[in-house]
Amino acid sequence: ISPGAIKLSKIEQCSKIIFGRVNVTGKSILDIGCWDGAYSIEAMQRGASRVLATDHWVWHNGYDRNCFELARAHLAPSIEAMDIDVADLSAERLGRFDVVLFMGVFYHLRHPFETLERVAKIAGECLVVETRLLQTLTRKPMMRFYPGSELDHDPTNWWAPNRACVEAMLRDLGFRRIMFKRWRWWRRGIFHAFR
């Protein structure tokens, strides 16, 4: 088992932003694209009643599930896990959850708004979206497409929306209140969208 690719300090900083704005005590949590389960474990340790951690791409492309299973076994064995591709997520298949974490997935999608629409139907109270952002001088919603490896030399990075774009998408999907926090050198943002 190899060490995690993300430093503990980054996970702790992100956890403060995620869970500082939404109380998960007694709530059901869906963690989409959980990777090694850090935020799933944090949710359980903060008193969530149920946590379902899902991933597929990471567990089958360069990283295996062993790190997740090791962490789960020692820190939060009651976390449920499901190997499911983002394209297969739906309320019909998974049910609804009080809080849905959609962290670091949006900009990797070929069809991001279609997926966000399906994910939004799963979120009963709050949807937390973390994504790479496009720096623009305009307040108009826009998103840039990056072919090949243009975005951070990563061929799996396709899109960078600006803040206005993400907020417009979330409002279009029925979320009334949106809180935003920019972080990591202004290149990324975390959105808390509430019903």
C-alpha atoms as a PDB file:
ATOM      1  CA  ILE A   1       0.000   0.000   0.000  1.00  0.00           C
ATOM      2  CA  SER A   2       1.430   3.343  -1.028  1.00  0.00           C
ATOM      3  CA  PRO A   3       1.066   6.562   0.967  1.00  0.00           C
ATOM      4  CA  GLY A   4      -1.727   8.933   0.029  1.00  0.00           C
ATOM      5  CA  ALA A   5      -1.207  11.362  -2.827  1.00  0.00           C
ATOM      6  CA  ILE A   6      -2.836  14.262  -0.961  1.00  0.00           C
ATOM      7  CA  LYS A   7      -1.130  15.771   2.067  1.00  0.00           C
ATOM      8  CA  LEU A   8      -2.883  15.578   5.425  1.00  0.00           C
ATOM      9  CA  SER A   9      -2.744  19.359   5.806  1.00  0.00           C
ATOM     10  CA  LYS A  10      -4.765  19.806   2.592  1.00  0.00           C
ATOM     11  CA  ILE A  11      -7.342  17.231   3.715  1.00  0.00           C
ATOM     12  CA  GLU A  12      -7.665  18.963   7.101  1.00  0.00           C
ATOM     13  CA  GLN A  13      -8.040  22.402   5.486  1.00  0.00           C
ATOM     14  CA  CYS A  14     -10.659  21.162   3.039  1.00  0.00           C
ATOM     15  CA  SER A  15     -12.528  19.300   5.805  1.00  0.00           C
ATOM     16  CA  LYS A  16     -12.838  22.529   7.794  1.00  0.00           C
ATOM     17  CA  ILE A  17     -14.370  24.259   4.784  1.00  0.00           C
ATOM     18  CA  ILE A  18     -16.710  21.363   3.915  1.00  0.00           C
ATOM     19  CA  PHE A  19     -17.953  20.515   7.373  1.00  0.00           C
ATOM     20  CA  GLY A  20     -17.748  24.015   8.825  1.00  0.00           C
ATOM     21  CA  ARG A  21     -20.735  25.025   6.696  1.00  0.00           C
ATOM     22  CA  VAL A  22     -22.910  21.938   7.000  1.00  0.00           C
ATOM     23  CA  ASN A  23     -23.721  19.960  10.144  1.00  0.00           C
ATOM     24  CA  VAL A  24     -23.678  16.255   9.283  1.00  0.00           C
ATOM     25  CA  THR A  25     -24.663  14.944  12.729  1.00  0.00           C
ATOM     26  CA  GLY A  26     -27.423  12.383  12.255  1.00  0.00           C
ATOM     27  CA  LYS A  27     -27.409  12.909   8.469  1.00  0.00           C
ATOM     28  CA  SER A  28     -26.974  10.498   5.577  1.00  0.00           C
ATOM     29  CA  ILE A  29     -23.926  11.325   3.437  1.00  0.00           C
ATOM     30  CA  LEU A  30     -22.993  10.274  -0.095  1.00  0.00           C
ATOM     31  CA  ASP A  31     -19.344  10.834  -1.016  1.00  0.00           C
ATOM     32  CA  ILE A  32     -18.986  10.674  -4.813  1.00  0.00           C
ATOM     33  CA  GLY A  33     -15.440  10.092  -6.039  1.00  0.00           C
ATOM     34  CA  CYS A  34     -14.223   9.311  -2.530  1.00  0.00           C
ATOM     35  CA  TRP A  35     -10.747   8.108  -3.605  1.00  0.00           C
ATOM     36  CA  ASP A  36      -9.211   7.025  -0.270  1.00  0.00           C
ATOM     37  CA  GLY A  37     -12.257   7.965   1.816  1.00  0.00           C
ATOM     38  CA  ALA A  38     -10.820  10.894   3.794  1.00  0.00           C
ATOM     39  CA  TYR A  39     -14.039  12.961   3.722  1.00  0.00           C
ATOM     40  CA  SER A  40     -16.220   9.896   4.242  1.00  0.00           C
ATOM     41  CA  ILE A  41     -14.257   9.120   7.395  1.00  0.00           C
ATOM     42  CA  GLU A  42     -14.477  12.756   8.512  1.00  0.00           C
ATOM     43  CA  ALA A  43     -18.259  12.712   8.027  1.00  0.00           C
ATOM     44  CA  MET A  44     -18.589   9.554  10.097  1.00  0.00           C
ATOM     45  CA  GLN A  45     -16.360  10.964  12.837  1.00  0.00           C
ATOM     46  CA  ARG A  46     -18.556  14.096  12.898  1.00  0.00           C
ATOM     47  CA  GLY A  47     -21.616  11.992  13.667  1.00  0.00           C
ATOM     48  CA  ALA A  48     -23.197  11.120  10.319  1.00  0.00           C
ATOM     49  CA  SER A  49     -25.784   8.359  10.669  1.00  0.00           C
ATOM     50  CA  ARG A  50     -24.898   6.755   7.341  1.00  0.00           C
ATOM     51  CA  VAL A  51     -22.048   7.263   4.870  1.00  0.00           C
ATOM     52  CA  LEU A  52     -21.848   5.714   1.425  1.00  0.00           C
ATOM     53  CA  ALA A  53     -18.457   6.174  -0.251  1.00  0.00           C
ATOM     54  CA  THR A  54     -18.389   5.679  -4.021  1.00  0.00           C
ATOM     55  CA  ASP A  55     -15.682   5.639  -6.636  1.00  0.00           C
ATOM     56  CA  HIS A  56     -14.765   3.758  -9.753  1.00  0.00           C
ATOM     57  CA  TRP A  57     -12.307   5.690 -11.875  1.00  0.00           C
ATOM     58  CA  VAL A  58      -9.661   6.086  -9.165  1.00  0.00           C
ATOM     59  CA  TRP A  59     -10.009   2.513  -7.947  1.00  0.00           C
ATOM     60  CA  HIS A  60      -9.404   1.182 -11.466  1.00  0.00           C
ATOM     61  CA  ASN A  61      -6.933   3.678 -12.968  1.00  0.00           C
ATOM     62  CA  GLY A  62      -3.603   3.897 -11.209  1.00  0.00           C
ATOM     63  CA  TYR A  63      -4.806   3.710  -7.621  1.00  0.00           C
ATOM     64  CA  ASP A  64      -6.419   0.687  -6.119  1.00  0.00           C
ATOM     65  CA  ARG A  65      -8.963   0.415  -3.341  1.00  0.00           C
ATOM     66  CA  ASN A  66      -6.512  -0.908  -0.739  1.00  0.00           C
ATOM     67  CA  CYS A  67      -5.816   2.507   0.854  1.00  0.00           C
ATOM     68  CA  PHE A  68      -9.546   3.133   1.212  1.00  0.00           C
ATOM     69  CA  GLU A  69     -10.140  -0.306   2.738  1.00  0.00           C
ATOM     70  CA  LEU A  70      -7.241   0.061   5.174  1.00  0.00           C
ATOM     71  CA  ALA A  71      -8.455   3.466   6.368  1.00  0.00           C
ATOM     72  CA  ARG A  72     -12.054   2.294   6.591  1.00  0.00           C
ATOM     73  CA  ALA A  73     -11.138  -0.837   8.572  1.00  0.00           C
ATOM     74  CA  HIS A  74      -9.211   1.137  11.195  1.00  0.00           C
ATOM     75  CA  LEU A  75     -11.068   4.451  11.361  1.00  0.00           C
ATOM     76  CA  ALA A  76     -14.701   3.967  10.327  1.00  0.00           C
ATOM     77  CA  PRO A  77     -15.691   0.374   9.544  1.00  0.00           C
ATOM     78  CA  SER A  78     -19.394   1.242   9.293  1.00  0.00           C
ATOM     79  CA  ILE A  79     -18.848   3.268   6.102  1.00  0.00           C
ATOM     80  CA  GLU A  80     -20.570   1.594   3.172  1.00  0.00           C
ATOM     81  CA  ALA A  81     -18.652   1.399  -0.120  1.00  0.00           C
ATOM     82  CA  MET A  82     -19.823   1.029  -3.686  1.00  0.00           C
ATOM     83  CA  ASP A  83     -17.762   0.687  -6.843  1.00  0.00           C
ATOM     84  CA  ILE A  84     -19.890   2.678  -9.280  1.00  0.00           C
ATOM     85  CA  ASP A  85     -19.016   4.894 -12.207  1.00  0.00           C
ATOM     86  CA  VAL A  86     -20.221   8.503 -12.050  1.00  0.00           C
ATOM     87  CA  ALA A  87     -22.214   7.896 -15.243  1.00  0.00           C
ATOM     88  CA  ASP A  88     -24.275   5.262 -13.403  1.00  0.00           C
ATOM     89  CA  LEU A  89     -25.257   7.453 -10.435  1.00  0.00           C
ATOM     90  CA  SER A  90     -28.958   8.169 -10.045  1.00  0.00           C
ATOM     91  CA  ALA A  91     -31.538   8.704  -7.323  1.00  0.00           C
ATOM     92  CA  GLU A  92     -33.317   5.588  -8.585  1.00  0.00           C
ATOM     93  CA  ARG A  93     -30.221   3.466  -8.032  1.00  0.00           C
ATOM     94  CA  LEU A  94     -28.833   5.006  -4.825  1.00  0.00           C
ATOM     95  CA  GLY A  95     -31.807   6.716  -3.203  1.00  0.00           C
ATOM     96  CA  ARG A  96     -31.535  10.178  -1.682  1.00  0.00           C
ATOM     97  CA  PHE A  97     -29.036  11.445   0.854  1.00  0.00           C
ATOM     98  CA  ASP A  98     -29.215  14.481   3.106  1.00  0.00           C
ATOM     99  CA  VAL A  99     -25.766  15.681   2.031  1.00  0.00           C
ATOM    100  CA  VAL A 100     -23.878  14.804  -1.148  1.00  0.00           C
ATOM    101  CA  LEU A 101     -20.148  15.468  -1.502  1.00  0.00           C
ATOM    102  CA  PHE A 102     -19.048  15.961  -5.114  1.00  0.00           C
ATOM    103  CA  MET A 103     -15.411  16.816  -4.565  1.00  0.00           C
ATOM    104  CA  GLY A 104     -12.833  17.012  -7.348  1.00  0.00           C
ATOM    105  CA  VAL A 105     -15.031  15.292  -9.933  1.00  0.00           C
ATOM    106  CA  PHE A 106     -16.835  17.976 -11.960  1.00  0.00           C
ATOM    107  CA  TYR A 107     -13.914  19.130 -14.117  1.00  0.00           C
ATOM    108  CA  HIS A 108     -12.995  15.544 -15.034  1.00  0.00           C
ATOM    109  CA  LEU A 109     -16.371  14.884 -16.683  1.00  0.00           C
ATOM    110  CA  ARG A 110     -17.032  14.856 -20.405  1.00  0.00           C
ATOM    111  CA  HIS A 111     -20.633  15.983 -19.766  1.00  0.00           C
ATOM    112  CA  PRO A 112     -20.470  17.914 -16.488  1.00  0.00           C
ATOM    113  CA  PHE A 113     -23.890  19.588 -16.387  1.00  0.00           C
ATOM    114  CA  GLU A 114     -25.729  16.375 -17.251  1.00  0.00           C
ATOM    115  CA  THR A 115     -23.945  14.602 -14.410  1.00  0.00           C
ATOM    116  CA  LEU A 116     -24.483  17.486 -11.998  1.00  0.00           C
ATOM    117  CA  GLU A 117     -28.187  17.326 -12.796  1.00  0.00           C
ATOM    118  CA  ARG A 118     -28.346  13.634 -11.830  1.00  0.00           C
ATOM    119  CA  VAL A 119     -26.262  14.202  -8.707  1.00  0.00           C
ATOM    120  CA  ALA A 120     -28.493  17.117  -7.643  1.00  0.00           C
ATOM    121  CA  LYS A 121     -31.520  14.797  -7.607  1.00  0.00           C
ATOM    122  CA  ILE A 122     -29.764  12.652  -4.996  1.00  0.00           C
ATOM    123  CA  ALA A 123     -29.085  15.581  -2.625  1.00  0.00           C
ATOM    124  CA  GLY A 124     -31.982  16.149  -0.240  1.00  0.00           C
ATOM    125  CA  GLU A 125     -30.623  19.113   1.718  1.00  0.00           C
ATOM    126  CA  CYS A 126     -27.145  20.078   0.576  1.00  0.00           C
ATOM    127  CA  LEU A 127     -24.817  19.448  -2.346  1.00  0.00           C
ATOM    128  CA  VAL A 128     -21.131  20.278  -1.823  1.00  0.00           C
ATOM    129  CA  VAL A 129     -19.205  20.786  -5.069  1.00  0.00           C
ATOM    130  CA  GLU A 130     -15.441  21.305  -5.193  1.00  0.00           C
ATOM    131  CA  THR A 131     -13.881  22.046  -8.571  1.00  0.00           C
ATOM    132  CA  ARG A 132     -11.082  23.656 -10.525  1.00  0.00           C
ATOM    133  CA  LEU A 133     -12.098  27.181 -11.491  1.00  0.00           C
ATOM    134  CA  LEU A 134     -11.522  29.451 -14.453  1.00  0.00           C
ATOM    135  CA  GLN A 135     -10.258  32.914 -13.591  1.00  0.00           C
ATOM    136  CA  THR A 136     -12.257  35.473 -15.548  1.00  0.00           C
ATOM    137  CA  LEU A 137     -12.850  39.201 -15.409  1.00  0.00           C
ATOM    138  CA  THR A 138     -16.506  38.736 -16.308  1.00  0.00           C
ATOM    139  CA  ARG A 139     -19.353  37.918 -13.948  1.00  0.00           C
ATOM    140  CA  LYS A 140     -21.194  36.122 -16.730  1.00  0.00           C
ATOM    141  CA  PRO A 141     -21.416  32.329 -16.421  1.00  0.00           C
ATOM    142  CA  MET A 142     -18.836  30.615 -18.592  1.00  0.00           C
ATOM    143  CA  MET A 143     -16.817  27.443 -18.784  1.00  0.00           C
ATOM    144  CA  ARG A 144     -13.710  26.652 -20.787  1.00  0.00           C
ATOM    145  CA  PHE A 145     -12.984  23.316 -22.462  1.00  0.00           C
ATOM    146  CA  TYR A 146      -9.401  21.992 -22.285  1.00  0.00           C
ATOM    147  CA  PRO A 147      -8.549  19.319 -24.864  1.00  0.00           C
ATOM    148  CA  GLY A 148      -5.660  16.924 -24.387  1.00  0.00           C
ATOM    149  CA  SER A 149      -3.462  17.748 -21.417  1.00  0.00           C
ATOM    150  CA  GLU A 150      -3.851  21.531 -21.509  1.00  0.00           C
ATOM    151  CA  LEU A 151      -5.213  21.858 -17.974  1.00  0.00           C
ATOM    152  CA  ASP A 152      -2.434  21.095 -15.492  1.00  0.00           C
ATOM    153  CA  HIS A 153      -0.845  18.552 -17.880  1.00  0.00           C
ATOM    154  CA  ASP A 154      -3.602  16.065 -17.025  1.00  0.00           C
ATOM    155  CA  PRO A 155      -5.535  14.423 -19.881  1.00  0.00           C
ATOM    156  CA  THR A 156      -8.470  13.747 -17.525  1.00  0.00           C
ATOM    157  CA  ASN A 157      -9.054  17.460 -16.864  1.00  0.00           C
ATOM    158  CA  TRP A 158     -11.634  18.709 -19.361  1.00  0.00           C
ATOM    159  CA  TRP A 159     -13.362  21.787 -17.963  1.00  0.00           C
ATOM    160  CA  ALA A 160     -12.858  24.864 -15.825  1.00  0.00           C
ATOM    161  CA  PRO A 161     -16.023  26.839 -15.020  1.00  0.00           C
ATOM    162  CA  ASN A 162     -15.973  30.255 -13.446  1.00  0.00           C
ATOM    163  CA  ARG A 163     -17.729  30.880 -10.141  1.00  0.00           C
ATOM    164  CA  ALA A 164     -20.766  32.422 -11.843  1.00  0.00           C
ATOM    165  CA  CYS A 165     -21.178  29.335 -14.019  1.00  0.00           C
ATOM    166  CA  VAL A 166     -21.216  26.880 -11.108  1.00  0.00           C
ATOM    167  CA  GLU A 167     -23.610  29.073  -9.145  1.00  0.00           C
ATOM    168  CA  ALA A 168     -25.930  29.444 -12.161  1.00  0.00           C
ATOM    169  CA  MET A 169     -25.960  25.676 -12.699  1.00  0.00           C
ATOM    170  CA  LEU A 170     -26.768  25.030  -9.039  1.00  0.00           C
ATOM    171  CA  ARG A 171     -29.586  27.590  -9.045  1.00  0.00           C
ATOM    172  CA  ASP A 172     -30.973  26.073 -12.229  1.00  0.00           C
ATOM    173  CA  LEU A 173     -31.048  22.716 -10.431  1.00  0.00           C
ATOM    174  CA  GLY A 174     -33.196  24.059  -7.609  1.00  0.00           C
ATOM    175  CA  PHE A 175     -30.733  25.136  -4.937  1.00  0.00           C
ATOM    176  CA  ARG A 176     -31.847  28.376  -3.297  1.00  0.00           C
ATOM    177  CA  ARG A 177     -28.850  29.310  -1.161  1.00  0.00           C
ATOM    178  CA  ILE A 178     -25.257  28.933  -2.306  1.00  0.00           C
ATOM    179  CA  MET A 179     -22.176  29.594  -0.216  1.00  0.00           C
ATOM    180  CA  PHE A 180     -18.775  29.860  -1.878  1.00  0.00           C
ATOM    181  CA  LYS A 181     -15.189  29.598  -0.652  1.00  0.00           C
ATOM    182  CA  ARG A 182     -12.197  30.004  -2.939  1.00  0.00           C
ATOM    183  CA  TRP A 183      -9.069  28.157  -1.917  1.00  0.00           C
ATOM    184  CA  ARG A 184      -5.736  26.742  -3.091  1.00  0.00           C
ATOM    185  CA  TRP A 185      -4.146  29.751  -4.760  1.00  0.00           C
ATOM    186  CA  TRP A 186      -7.484  30.967  -6.117  1.00  0.00           C
ATOM    187  CA  ARG A 187      -7.605  28.085  -8.599  1.00  0.00           C
ATOM    188  CA  ARG A 188     -10.288  26.049  -6.866  1.00  0.00           C
ATOM    189  CA  GLY A 189     -13.555  26.635  -5.101  1.00  0.00           C
ATOM    190  CA  ILE A 190     -16.011  24.868  -2.816  1.00  0.00           C
ATOM    191  CA  PHE A 191     -19.735  25.506  -3.218  1.00  0.00           C
ATOM    192  CA  HIS A 192     -22.340  24.589  -0.598  1.00  0.00           C
ATOM    193  CA  ALA A 193     -25.736  24.497  -2.299  1.00  0.00           C
ATOM    194  CA  PHE A 194     -28.786  24.265  -0.039  1.00  0.00           C
ATOM    195  CA  ARG A 195     -32.409  23.501  -0.953  1.00  0.00           C
END
